[in-house]
C-alpha atoms as a PDB file:
ATOM      1  CA  MET A   1      78.265   9.761   6.116  1.00  0.00           C
ATOM      2  CA  SER A   2      76.400  13.064   5.925  1.00  0.00           C
ATOM      3  CA  LEU A   3      73.781  14.561   3.637  1.00  0.00           C
ATOM      4  CA  LEU A   4      75.256  17.640   1.914  1.00  0.00           C
ATOM      5  CA  ILE A   5      73.778  20.923   0.726  1.00  0.00           C
ATOM      6  CA  TYR A   6      75.388  23.815  -1.125  1.00  0.00           C
ATOM      7  CA  ALA A   7      74.268  26.944   0.758  1.00  0.00           C
ATOM      8  CA  GLU A   8      74.429  29.828  -1.694  1.00  0.00           C
ATOM      9  CA  SER A   9      75.528  33.312  -0.739  1.00  0.00           C
ATOM     10  CA  ALA A  10      75.931  36.704  -2.385  1.00  0.00           C
ATOM     11  CA  ASP A  11      78.369  39.395  -1.305  1.00  0.00           C
ATOM     12  CA  GLY A  12      79.299  37.269   1.697  1.00  0.00           C
ATOM     13  CA  LYS A  13      75.711  36.909   2.938  1.00  0.00           C
ATOM     14  CA  LEU A  14      73.700  33.691   2.824  1.00  0.00           C
ATOM     15  CA  LYS A  15      70.673  33.772   0.538  1.00  0.00           C
ATOM     16  CA  LYS A  16      67.188  32.927   1.759  1.00  0.00           C
ATOM     17  CA  VAL A  17      67.219  29.902  -0.555  1.00  0.00           C
ATOM     18  CA  ALA A  18      70.038  28.451   1.577  1.00  0.00           C
ATOM     19  CA  PHE A  19      67.724  28.297   4.579  1.00  0.00           C
ATOM     20  CA  GLU A  20      64.902  26.702   2.584  1.00  0.00           C
ATOM     21  CA  LEU A  21      67.373  24.130   1.303  1.00  0.00           C
ATOM     22  CA  ALA A  22      68.551  23.400   4.858  1.00  0.00           C
ATOM     23  CA  SER A  23      64.934  23.061   6.038  1.00  0.00           C
ATOM     24  CA  TYR A  24      64.212  20.486   3.339  1.00  0.00           C
ATOM     25  CA  ALA A  25      67.469  18.584   3.686  1.00  0.00           C
ATOM     26  CA  LYS A  26      67.137  18.323   7.470  1.00  0.00           C
ATOM     27  CA  LYS A  27      63.870  16.424   7.083  1.00  0.00           C
ATOM     28  CA  VAL A  28      65.480  14.069   4.571  1.00  0.00           C
ATOM     29  CA  ALA A  29      68.523  13.588   6.807  1.00  0.00           C
ATOM     30  CA  GLU A  30      66.307  12.771   9.802  1.00  0.00           C
ATOM     31  CA  ALA A  31      64.373  10.206   7.748  1.00  0.00           C
ATOM     32  CA  LEU A  32      67.650   8.567   6.752  1.00  0.00           C
ATOM     33  CA  GLY A  33      69.148   8.806  10.237  1.00  0.00           C
ATOM     34  CA  THR A  34      72.146  10.854   9.139  1.00  0.00           C
ATOM     35  CA  SER A  35      73.616  14.305   9.794  1.00  0.00           C
ATOM     36  CA  LEU A  36      73.390  17.427   7.644  1.00  0.00           C
ATOM     37  CA  THR A  37      76.423  19.311   6.333  1.00  0.00           C
ATOM     38  CA  ALA A  38      76.460  22.554   4.345  1.00  0.00           C
ATOM     39  CA  VAL A  39      79.274  23.787   2.135  1.00  0.00           C
ATOM     40  CA  THR A  40      79.558  27.552   1.631  1.00  0.00           C
ATOM     41  CA  ILE A  41      81.781  29.586  -0.686  1.00  0.00           C
ATOM     42  CA  ASN A  42      83.056  32.962   0.501  1.00  0.00           C
ATOM     43  CA  ALA A  43      80.184  33.339   2.969  1.00  0.00           C
ATOM     44  CA  GLY A  44      80.813  35.424   6.068  1.00  0.00           C
ATOM     45  CA  ASN A  45      78.590  34.684   9.051  1.00  0.00           C
ATOM     46  CA  VAL A  46      77.041  31.228   8.608  1.00  0.00           C
ATOM     47  CA  SER A  47      75.671  30.833  12.142  1.00  0.00           C
ATOM     48  CA  GLU A  48      72.075  31.285  10.997  1.00  0.00           C
ATOM     49  CA  LEU A  49      72.226  27.852   9.349  1.00  0.00           C
ATOM     50  CA  SER A  50      72.056  26.374  12.850  1.00  0.00           C
ATOM     51  CA  LYS A  51      68.433  27.562  13.097  1.00  0.00           C
ATOM     52  CA  TYR A  52      67.520  25.207  10.269  1.00  0.00           C
ATOM     53  CA  GLY A  53      69.241  22.041  11.431  1.00  0.00           C
ATOM     54  CA  VAL A  54      72.678  22.150   9.809  1.00  0.00           C
ATOM     55  CA  ASP A  55      75.083  20.101  11.943  1.00  0.00           C
ATOM     56  CA  LYS A  56      78.309  21.190  10.257  1.00  0.00           C
ATOM     57  CA  VAL A  57      79.409  23.908   7.855  1.00  0.00           C
ATOM     58  CA  LEU A  58      82.387  23.506   5.541  1.00  0.00           C
ATOM     59  CA  LYS A  59      83.552  27.065   4.866  1.00  0.00           C
ATOM     60  CA  VAL A  60      85.472  27.649   1.652  1.00  0.00           C
ATOM     61  CA  THR A  61      87.209  31.017   1.364  1.00  0.00           C
ATOM     62  CA  ASP A  62      89.198  31.822  -1.756  1.00  0.00           C
ATOM     63  CA  ASN A  63      89.496  35.016  -3.800  1.00  0.00           C
ATOM     64  CA  LYS A  64      89.601  32.931  -6.979  1.00  0.00           C
ATOM     65  CA  LEU A  65      85.974  32.013  -6.265  1.00  0.00           C
ATOM     66  CA  ALA A  66      84.813  35.604  -5.834  1.00  0.00           C
ATOM     67  CA  ASN A  67      82.776  35.355  -9.059  1.00  0.00           C
ATOM     68  CA  PHE A  68      80.574  32.373  -9.853  1.00  0.00           C
ATOM     69  CA  ASN A  69      82.352  29.775 -11.990  1.00  0.00           C
ATOM     70  CA  ALA A  70      80.230  26.703 -12.692  1.00  0.00           C
ATOM     71  CA  LYS A  71      83.150  24.289 -13.188  1.00  0.00           C
ATOM     72  CA  ALA A  72      85.090  25.466 -10.156  1.00  0.00           C
ATOM     73  CA  TYR A  73      82.037  25.642  -7.887  1.00  0.00           C
ATOM     74  CA  ALA A  74      80.903  22.186  -9.020  1.00  0.00           C
ATOM     75  CA  ASP A  75      84.340  20.814  -8.183  1.00  0.00           C
ATOM     76  CA  VAL A  76      84.156  22.375  -4.705  1.00  0.00           C
ATOM     77  CA  VAL A  77      80.775  20.721  -4.066  1.00  0.00           C
ATOM     78  CA  LYS A  78      82.088  17.434  -5.440  1.00  0.00           C
ATOM     79  CA  GLN A  79      85.127  17.471  -3.140  1.00  0.00           C
ATOM     80  CA  ALA A  80      82.952  18.411  -0.156  1.00  0.00           C
ATOM     81  CA  ALA A  81      80.665  15.455  -0.918  1.00  0.00           C
ATOM     82  CA  GLN A  82      83.633  13.117  -1.155  1.00  0.00           C
ATOM     83  CA  LYS A  83      85.072  14.432   2.108  1.00  0.00           C
ATOM     84  CA  GLU A  84      81.771  13.846   3.926  1.00  0.00           C
ATOM     85  CA  SER A  85      81.041  10.545   2.111  1.00  0.00           C
ATOM     86  CA  SER A  86      77.721  12.089   1.098  1.00  0.00           C
ATOM     87  CA  LYS A  87      75.375   9.917  -0.913  1.00  0.00           C
ATOM     88  CA  ILE A  88      72.749  12.647  -1.262  1.00  0.00           C
ATOM     89  CA  ILE A  89      73.564  16.211  -2.319  1.00  0.00           C
ATOM     90  CA  VAL A  90      70.756  18.768  -2.284  1.00  0.00           C
ATOM     91  CA  LEU A  91      70.914  21.902  -4.435  1.00  0.00           C
ATOM     92  CA  SER A  92      68.527  24.757  -5.117  1.00  0.00           C
ATOM     93  CA  SER A  93      66.928  25.755  -8.419  1.00  0.00           C
ATOM     94  CA  THR A  94      68.666  29.105  -8.763  1.00  0.00           C
ATOM     95  CA  THR A  95      70.375  29.873 -12.045  1.00  0.00           C
ATOM     96  CA  ASP A  96      73.797  29.209 -10.528  1.00  0.00           C
ATOM     97  CA  SER A  97      72.860  25.852  -9.031  1.00  0.00           C
ATOM     98  CA  LEU A  98      71.145  24.703 -12.214  1.00  0.00           C
ATOM     99  CA  TYR A  99      74.425  25.337 -14.042  1.00  0.00           C
ATOM    100  CA  LEU A 100      76.565  23.397 -11.601  1.00  0.00           C
ATOM    101  CA  ALA A 101      74.182  20.523 -10.734  1.00  0.00           C
ATOM    102  CA  PRO A 102      74.812  18.459 -13.918  1.00  0.00           C
ATOM    103  CA  MET A 103      78.563  18.950 -13.480  1.00  0.00           C
ATOM    104  CA  VAL A 104      78.398  17.709  -9.894  1.00  0.00           C
ATOM    105  CA  ALA A 105      76.362  14.727 -11.079  1.00  0.00           C
ATOM    106  CA  ILE A 106      78.950  13.846 -13.731  1.00  0.00           C
ATOM    107  CA  GLY A 107      81.808  14.277 -11.286  1.00  0.00           C
ATOM    108  CA  LEU A 108      80.213  11.941  -8.753  1.00  0.00           C
ATOM    109  CA  ASP A 109      78.659   9.531 -11.297  1.00  0.00           C
ATOM    110  CA  ALA A 110      75.328  10.406  -9.709  1.00  0.00           C
ATOM    111  CA  GLY A 111      71.702  10.426 -10.761  1.00  0.00           C
ATOM    112  CA  PHE A 112      70.180  13.911 -10.936  1.00  0.00           C
ATOM    113  CA  ALA A 113      66.543  14.968 -10.486  1.00  0.00           C
ATOM    114  CA  SER A 114      65.495  18.610 -10.855  1.00  0.00           C
ATOM    115  CA  ASN A 115      62.307  20.549 -10.025  1.00  0.00           C
ATOM    116  CA  ILE A 116      61.536  18.470  -6.942  1.00  0.00           C
ATOM    117  CA  VAL A 117      58.465  19.737  -5.083  1.00  0.00           C
ATOM    118  CA  GLY A 118      58.324  17.588  -1.953  1.00  0.00           C
ATOM    119  CA  LEU A 119      60.091  15.225   0.368  1.00  0.00           C
ATOM    120  CA  PRO A 120      61.069  11.834  -1.109  1.00  0.00           C
ATOM    121  CA  LEU A 121      58.036   9.599  -1.536  1.00  0.00           C
ATOM    122  CA  SER A 122      60.166   6.620  -0.541  1.00  0.00           C
ATOM    123  CA  THR A 123      63.831   5.932   0.128  1.00  0.00           C
ATOM    124  CA  SER A 124      63.901   2.316  -1.072  1.00  0.00           C
ATOM    125  CA  PRO A 125      63.493   2.643  -3.987  1.00  0.00           C
ATOM    126  CA  PHE A 126      64.383   6.338  -3.876  1.00  0.00           C
ATOM    127  CA  GLN A 127      61.514   8.227  -5.490  1.00  0.00           C
ATOM    128  CA  VAL A 128      60.762  11.950  -5.742  1.00  0.00           C
ATOM    129  CA  LYS A 129      57.901  14.053  -7.117  1.00  0.00           C
ATOM    130  CA  ARG A 130      58.842  16.593  -9.792  1.00  0.00           C
ATOM    131  CA  THR A 131      57.096  19.153 -11.970  1.00  0.00           C
ATOM    132  CA  ALA A 132      57.010  18.518 -15.721  1.00  0.00           C
ATOM    133  CA  PHE A 133      55.804  20.131 -18.963  1.00  0.00           C
ATOM    134  CA  SER A 134      56.418  23.716 -17.775  1.00  0.00           C
ATOM    135  CA  ASN A 135      54.758  23.008 -14.426  1.00  0.00           C
ATOM    136  CA  LYS A 136      51.562  21.696 -16.006  1.00  0.00           C
ATOM    137  CA  ALA A 137      52.003  18.179 -14.615  1.00  0.00           C
ATOM    138  CA  PHE A 138      53.930  16.089 -12.108  1.00  0.00           C
ATOM    139  CA  ASN A 139      55.950  12.921 -12.494  1.00  0.00           C
ATOM    140  CA  ILE A 140      57.444  10.415 -10.103  1.00  0.00           C
ATOM    141  CA  THR A 141      61.155   9.841 -10.701  1.00  0.00           C
ATOM    142  CA  GLU A 142      63.195   6.971  -9.298  1.00  0.00           C
ATOM    143  CA  ILE A 143      66.922   7.479  -8.764  1.00  0.00           C
ATOM    144  CA  SER A 144      68.797   4.180  -8.674  1.00  0.00           C
ATOM    145  CA  THR A 145      72.412   5.394  -8.479  1.00  0.00           C
ATOM    146  CA  GLU A 146      74.362   5.173  -5.222  1.00  0.00           C
ATOM    147  CA  VAL A 147      74.937   8.939  -5.172  1.00  0.00           C
ATOM    148  CA  LYS A 148      71.932  11.173  -5.785  1.00  0.00           C
ATOM    149  CA  ILE A 149      71.690  14.867  -6.678  1.00  0.00           C
ATOM    150  CA  LEU A 150      68.400  16.561  -5.786  1.00  0.00           C
ATOM    151  CA  SER A 151      67.453  20.022  -7.033  1.00  0.00           C
ATOM    152  CA  ILE A 152      64.563  21.554  -5.075  1.00  0.00           C
ATOM    153  CA  GLY A 153      62.051  23.889  -6.701  1.00  0.00           C
ATOM    154  CA  LYS A 154      62.007  27.420  -5.251  1.00  0.00           C
ATOM    155  CA  ASN A 155      59.373  28.031  -2.569  1.00  0.00           C
ATOM    156  CA  SER A 156      58.283  24.387  -2.757  1.00  0.00           C
ATOM    157  CA  PHE A 157      59.079  23.652   0.886  1.00  0.00           C
ATOM    158  CA  GLY A 158      59.406  26.881   2.866  1.00  0.00           C
ATOM    159  CA  LEU A 159      61.446  27.701   5.956  1.00  0.00           C
ATOM    160  CA  VAL A 160      61.220  25.291   8.887  1.00  0.00           C
ATOM    161  CA  GLU A 161      63.264  26.070  11.975  1.00  0.00           C
ATOM    162  CA  ASN A 162      64.954  23.097  13.595  1.00  0.00           C
ATOM    163  CA  ALA A 163      67.667  24.525  15.826  1.00  0.00           C
ATOM    164  CA  THR A 164      70.824  22.530  16.477  1.00  0.00           C
ATOM    165  CA  ASN A 165      74.435  23.025  17.524  1.00  0.00           C
ATOM    166  CA  THR A 166      76.508  23.707  14.430  1.00  0.00           C
ATOM    167  CA  SER A 167      80.236  23.256  14.065  1.00  0.00           C
ATOM    168  CA  GLU A 168      82.256  25.224  11.513  1.00  0.00           C
ATOM    169  CA  GLU A 169      85.278  23.897   9.660  1.00  0.00           C
ATOM    170  CA  ASN A 170      87.541  25.648   7.172  1.00  0.00           C
ATOM    171  CA  PHE A 171      87.671  23.549   4.023  1.00  0.00           C
ATOM    172  CA  VAL A 172      90.389  24.022   1.399  1.00  0.00           C
ATOM    173  CA  PRO A 173      89.493  22.170  -1.818  1.00  0.00           C
ATOM    174  CA  THR A 174      91.917  21.683  -4.683  1.00  0.00           C
ATOM    175  CA  LEU A 175      91.192  24.195  -7.446  1.00  0.00           C
ATOM    176  CA  ASN A 176      91.948  23.355 -11.066  1.00  0.00           C
ATOM    177  CA  GLU A 177      93.615  26.299 -12.799  1.00  0.00           C
ATOM    178  CA  ILE A 178      92.097  25.383 -16.161  1.00  0.00           C
ATOM    179  CA  ASP A 179      88.653  26.146 -14.697  1.00  0.00           C
ATOM    180  CA  PHE A 180      89.686  29.796 -14.517  1.00  0.00           C
ATOM    181  CA  SER A 181      90.863  30.121 -18.118  1.00  0.00           C
ATOM    182  CA  VAL A 182      87.795  32.261 -18.881  1.00  0.00           C
ATOM    183  CA  LYS A 183      87.995  35.538 -16.956  1.00  0.00           C
ATOM    184  CA  VAL A 184      85.002  37.524 -15.724  1.00  0.00           C
ATOM    185  CA  GLU A 185      85.774  41.205 -16.278  1.00  0.00           C
ATOM    186  CA  SER A 186      82.770  42.632 -14.458  1.00  0.00           C
ATOM    187  CA  ILE A 187      79.334  41.797 -13.126  1.00  0.00           C
ATOM    188  CA  GLU A 188      76.499  44.319 -13.210  1.00  0.00           C
ATOM    189  CA  LYS A 189      74.138  44.145 -10.259  1.00  0.00           C
ATOM    190  CA  ALA A 190      71.071  46.174  -9.440  1.00  0.00           C
ATOM    191  CA  SER A 191      71.481  47.914  -6.121  1.00  0.00           C
ATOM    192  CA  GLY A 192      68.825  48.759  -3.571  1.00  0.00           C
ATOM    193  CA  LYS A 193      66.296  46.391  -5.110  1.00  0.00           C
ATOM    194  CA  VAL A 194      64.856  43.010  -4.220  1.00  0.00           C
ATOM    195  CA  SER A 195      66.192  40.444  -6.695  1.00  0.00           C
ATOM    196  CA  ILE A 196      63.722  38.407  -8.727  1.00  0.00           C
ATOM    197  CA  ALA A 197      65.480  35.173  -7.736  1.00  0.00           C
ATOM    198  CA  ASP A 198      65.067  35.772  -3.996  1.00  0.00           C
ATOM    199  CA  ALA A 199      61.699  37.552  -3.956  1.00  0.00           C
ATOM    200  CA  ASP A 200      58.599  36.211  -2.238  1.00  0.00           C
ATOM    201  CA  ILE A 201      56.521  38.757  -4.144  1.00  0.00           C
ATOM    202  CA  VAL A 202      57.038  39.852  -7.757  1.00  0.00           C
ATOM    203  CA  VAL A 203      55.215  42.772  -9.391  1.00  0.00           C
ATOM    204  CA  SER A 204      55.460  42.561 -13.161  1.00  0.00           C
ATOM    205  CA  GLY A 205      54.404  44.944 -15.909  1.00  0.00           C
ATOM    206  CA  GLY A 206      53.549  44.606 -19.570  1.00  0.00           C
ATOM    207  CA  ARG A 207      52.684  46.854 -22.493  1.00  0.00           C
ATOM    208  CA  GLY A 208      49.430  47.701 -20.733  1.00  0.00           C
ATOM    209  CA  LEU A 209      51.418  50.235 -18.699  1.00  0.00           C
ATOM    210  CA  LYS A 210      51.718  52.155 -22.007  1.00  0.00           C
ATOM    211  CA  GLY A 211      55.245  53.441 -21.541  1.00  0.00           C
ATOM    212  CA  PRO A 212      58.348  53.560 -19.320  1.00  0.00           C
ATOM    213  CA  GLU A 213      57.191  56.911 -17.926  1.00  0.00           C
ATOM    214  CA  ASN A 214      54.455  55.040 -16.019  1.00  0.00           C
ATOM    215  CA  TRP A 215      56.782  52.466 -14.462  1.00  0.00           C
ATOM    216  CA  HIS A 216      57.024  54.446 -11.223  1.00  0.00           C
ATOM    217  CA  LEU A 217      53.468  53.326 -10.434  1.00  0.00           C
ATOM    218  CA  LEU A 218      54.586  49.701 -10.494  1.00  0.00           C
ATOM    219  CA  GLU A 219      57.690  50.537  -8.462  1.00  0.00           C
ATOM    220  CA  ASP A 220      55.578  52.317  -5.837  1.00  0.00           C
ATOM    221  CA  LEU A 221      53.465  49.192  -5.378  1.00  0.00           C
ATOM    222  CA  ALA A 222      56.561  47.009  -5.219  1.00  0.00           C
ATOM    223  CA  ALA A 223      58.087  49.262  -2.559  1.00  0.00           C
ATOM    224  CA  VAL A 224      55.018  48.938  -0.338  1.00  0.00           C
ATOM    225  CA  LEU A 225      54.979  45.158  -0.723  1.00  0.00           C
ATOM    226  CA  GLY A 226      58.748  44.680  -0.473  1.00  0.00           C
ATOM    227  CA  ALA A 227      58.562  43.055  -3.886  1.00  0.00           C
ATOM    228  CA  ALA A 228      60.864  42.614  -6.847  1.00  0.00           C
ATOM    229  CA  THR A 229      59.954  44.320 -10.122  1.00  0.00           C
ATOM    230  CA  ALA A 230      59.794  42.440 -13.408  1.00  0.00           C
ATOM    231  CA  CYS A 231      58.422  42.743 -16.918  1.00  0.00           C
ATOM    232  CA  SER A 232      57.191  40.782 -19.911  1.00  0.00           C
ATOM    233  CA  LYS A 233      59.378  39.990 -22.924  1.00  0.00           C
ATOM    234  CA  PRO A 234      57.835  42.625 -25.232  1.00  0.00           C
ATOM    235  CA  VAL A 235      58.575  45.322 -22.652  1.00  0.00           C
ATOM    236  CA  SER A 236      62.260  44.387 -22.489  1.00  0.00           C
ATOM    237  CA  ASP A 237      62.443  43.935 -26.272  1.00  0.00           C
ATOM    238  CA  ILE A 238      61.301  47.502 -26.948  1.00  0.00           C
ATOM    239  CA  GLY A 239      63.662  48.868 -24.320  1.00  0.00           C
ATOM    240  CA  TRP A 240      61.254  50.046 -21.635  1.00  0.00           C
ATOM    241  CA  ARG A 241      62.989  47.872 -19.058  1.00  0.00           C
ATOM    242  CA  PRO A 242      66.334  46.000 -18.925  1.00  0.00           C
ATOM    243  CA  HIS A 243      66.434  42.374 -20.055  1.00  0.00           C
ATOM    244  CA  SER A 244      67.481  41.381 -16.519  1.00  0.00           C
ATOM    245  CA  GLU A 245      63.850  42.021 -15.463  1.00  0.00           C
ATOM    246  CA  HIS A 246      62.297  39.873 -18.195  1.00  0.00           C
ATOM    247  CA  VAL A 247      60.486  36.902 -16.642  1.00  0.00           C
ATOM    248  CA  GLY A 248      58.959  33.925 -18.398  1.00  0.00           C
ATOM    249  CA  GLN A 249      60.032  30.737 -20.110  1.00  0.00           C
ATOM    250  CA  THR A 250      62.585  32.613 -22.231  1.00  0.00           C
ATOM    251  CA  GLY A 251      63.591  34.909 -19.369  1.00  0.00           C
ATOM    252  CA  LYS A 252      63.953  34.361 -15.647  1.00  0.00           C
ATOM    253  CA  PRO A 253      61.664  31.705 -14.152  1.00  0.00           C
ATOM    254  CA  VAL A 254      59.588  32.865 -11.182  1.00  0.00           C
ATOM    255  CA  ALA A 255      58.313  30.732  -8.302  1.00  0.00           C
ATOM    256  CA  SER A 256      57.217  33.454  -5.906  1.00  0.00           C
ATOM    257  CA  ASN A 257      54.530  33.205  -3.254  1.00  0.00           C
ATOM    258  CA  LEU A 258      52.667  36.080  -4.957  1.00  0.00           C
ATOM    259  CA  TYR A 259      52.938  37.195  -8.607  1.00  0.00           C
ATOM    260  CA  ILE A 260      51.079  40.331  -9.704  1.00  0.00           C
ATOM    261  CA  ALA A 261      50.787  40.901 -13.458  1.00  0.00           C
ATOM    262  CA  LEU A 262      49.902  44.428 -14.581  1.00  0.00           C
ATOM    263  CA  GLY A 263      48.909  44.919 -18.197  1.00  0.00           C
ATOM    264  CA  ILE A 264      50.275  41.529 -19.269  1.00  0.00           C
ATOM    265  CA  SER A 265      47.997  39.529 -21.568  1.00  0.00           C
ATOM    266  CA  GLY A 266      49.624  36.193 -20.734  1.00  0.00           C
ATOM    267  CA  ALA A 267      51.424  34.646 -23.698  1.00  0.00           C
ATOM    268  CA  ILE A 268      52.053  30.922 -23.251  1.00  0.00           C
ATOM    269  CA  GLN A 269      55.804  31.445 -22.756  1.00  0.00           C
ATOM    270  CA  HIS A 270      55.176  33.976 -19.990  1.00  0.00           C
ATOM    271  CA  ILE A 271      52.667  31.756 -18.204  1.00  0.00           C
ATOM    272  CA  ALA A 272      55.033  28.787 -18.408  1.00  0.00           C
ATOM    273  CA  GLY A 273      57.798  30.792 -16.745  1.00  0.00           C
ATOM    274  CA  ILE A 274      55.718  32.020 -13.788  1.00  0.00           C
ATOM    275  CA  ASN A 275      53.372  29.066 -13.351  1.00  0.00           C
ATOM    276  CA  SER A 276      55.170  27.825 -10.240  1.00  0.00           C
ATOM    277  CA  SER A 277      54.113  30.940  -8.333  1.00  0.00           C
ATOM    278  CA  LYS A 278      51.641  30.051  -5.617  1.00  0.00           C
ATOM    279  CA  VAL A 279      49.159  32.940  -6.010  1.00  0.00           C
ATOM    280  CA  LYS A 280      48.750  34.807  -9.294  1.00  0.00           C
ATOM    281  CA  VAL A 281      46.924  38.145  -9.597  1.00  0.00           C
ATOM    282  CA  VAL A 282      46.225  39.886 -12.908  1.00  0.00           C
ATOM    283  CA  ILE A 283      44.981  43.388 -13.768  1.00  0.00           C
ATOM    284  CA  ASN A 284      44.093  43.871 -17.425  1.00  0.00           C
ATOM    285  CA  THR A 285      41.580  45.830 -19.490  1.00  0.00           C
ATOM    286  CA  ASP A 286      40.896  42.786 -21.674  1.00  0.00           C
ATOM    287  CA  ALA A 287      38.530  40.383 -19.933  1.00  0.00           C
ATOM    288  CA  GLU A 288      39.474  37.708 -22.485  1.00  0.00           C
ATOM    289  CA  ALA A 289      43.230  37.943 -21.799  1.00  0.00           C
ATOM    290  CA  PRO A 290      44.724  34.420 -21.416  1.00  0.00           C
ATOM    291  CA  PHE A 291      46.177  35.366 -18.017  1.00  0.00           C
ATOM    292  CA  PHE A 292      42.700  35.353 -16.456  1.00  0.00           C
ATOM    293  CA  LYS A 293      42.430  31.609 -17.145  1.00  0.00           C
ATOM    294  CA  VAL A 294      45.355  30.800 -14.845  1.00  0.00           C
ATOM    295  CA  ALA A 295      45.032  33.644 -12.326  1.00  0.00           C
ATOM    296  CA  ASP A 296      43.772  33.083  -8.797  1.00  0.00           C
ATOM    297  CA  TYR A 297      42.450  36.646  -8.651  1.00  0.00           C
ATOM    298  CA  GLY A 298      41.752  39.092 -11.450  1.00  0.00           C
ATOM    299  CA  ILE A 299      40.594  42.656 -11.985  1.00  0.00           C
ATOM    300  CA  VAL A 300      39.271  43.845 -15.330  1.00  0.00           C
ATOM    301  CA  GLY A 301      40.378  47.451 -15.580  1.00  0.00           C
ATOM    302  CA  ASP A 302      43.114  49.898 -16.460  1.00  0.00           C
ATOM    303  CA  ALA A 303      46.245  49.229 -14.383  1.00  0.00           C
ATOM    304  CA  LEU A 304      47.169  52.918 -14.610  1.00  0.00           C
ATOM    305  CA  GLU A 305      43.968  53.816 -12.772  1.00  0.00           C
ATOM    306  CA  ILE A 306      43.947  50.896 -10.344  1.00  0.00           C
ATOM    307  CA  LEU A 307      47.632  50.941  -9.326  1.00  0.00           C
ATOM    308  CA  PRO A 308      47.667  54.270  -7.432  1.00  0.00           C
ATOM    309  CA  ARG A 309      44.498  53.362  -5.545  1.00  0.00           C
ATOM    310  CA  LEU A 310      45.771  49.889  -4.676  1.00  0.00           C
ATOM    311  CA  THR A 311      49.114  51.279  -3.498  1.00  0.00           C
ATOM    312  CA  GLN A 312      47.397  53.892  -1.334  1.00  0.00           C
ATOM    313  CA  LYS A 313      45.095  51.313   0.270  1.00  0.00           C
ATOM    314  CA  LEU A 314      48.067  49.090   1.081  1.00  0.00           C
ATOM    315  CA  LYS A 315      49.929  52.019   2.620  1.00  0.00           C
ATOM    316  CA  GLU A 316      46.919  52.794   4.806  1.00  0.00           C
ATOM    317  CA  PHE A 317      46.614  49.149   5.828  1.00  0.00           C
ATOM    318  CA  LYS A 318      50.298  48.984   6.774  1.00  0.00           C
ATOM    319  CA  ALA A 319      50.031  52.210   8.766  1.00  0.00           C
ATOM    320  CA  GLN A 320      47.053  50.902  10.716  1.00  0.00           C
ATOM    321  CA  ASN A 321      48.791  47.625  11.522  1.00  0.00           C
ATOM    322  CA  SER A 322      52.299  48.901  12.249  1.00  0.00           C
END
């Protein structure tokens, strides 16, 4: 019996979230006295998983799985769990994993708990701590089924190295042709940018930037910080930025280590979508903006004036410490 994780990858390269998942799952596996197995889909080099305690990697390689397909991917994870007799399957909270997690749970007749923010509080009964009410509260959830699906909140555990010897095994699951009845014609991806899903730092702009012609100021700051760029819903609605950059409850959820909001007042839907971020910084001309009530640090002022100065200071700091 082995604890199983699905280690996500993109373009053949493992995502950072895969290593955080392995770090978390290794601690759970050690507490239960069992081994840790990862299943990957069309990932190239998986050796780095050994740094985080993965004992075995089941490598699935199939051109049919080149594009994400929730049903097919869920079936792969299900078959991997059955092969390893896994009673606990740990998934991330990325968009892809949140799609496939309920399907894996149905396929394995398993209990499913999402938004987990820590190691299990107990294993008998099996209890976990989860966020609730748009990250405004926590609850304790007990999973009583034999097989359990755990979905871990992004950046809730971090990377913990725990080096081990890892074996690799080619795994060929049975693919159901009906799962591929819907064809993906193309996928548009931003190139040369840090993705919002994988970013430790997110720099986000609102209408306070006054127009798309000023967005280069935000992008300059993001470049210095190695951050992803994002925007509020009104900005994407009026066409200043693509909808793929819209973050918030109705856009992409953000759980970064640092979230910087520039000219964003802080509507409740926006706050709910970024509330899992560890440190929140806001720059706004309106001292009464709702964002200041939830921010860890705030500056009352015009982002267009502050941004160039902040970016320059950070460049100087990096130069002095490089």
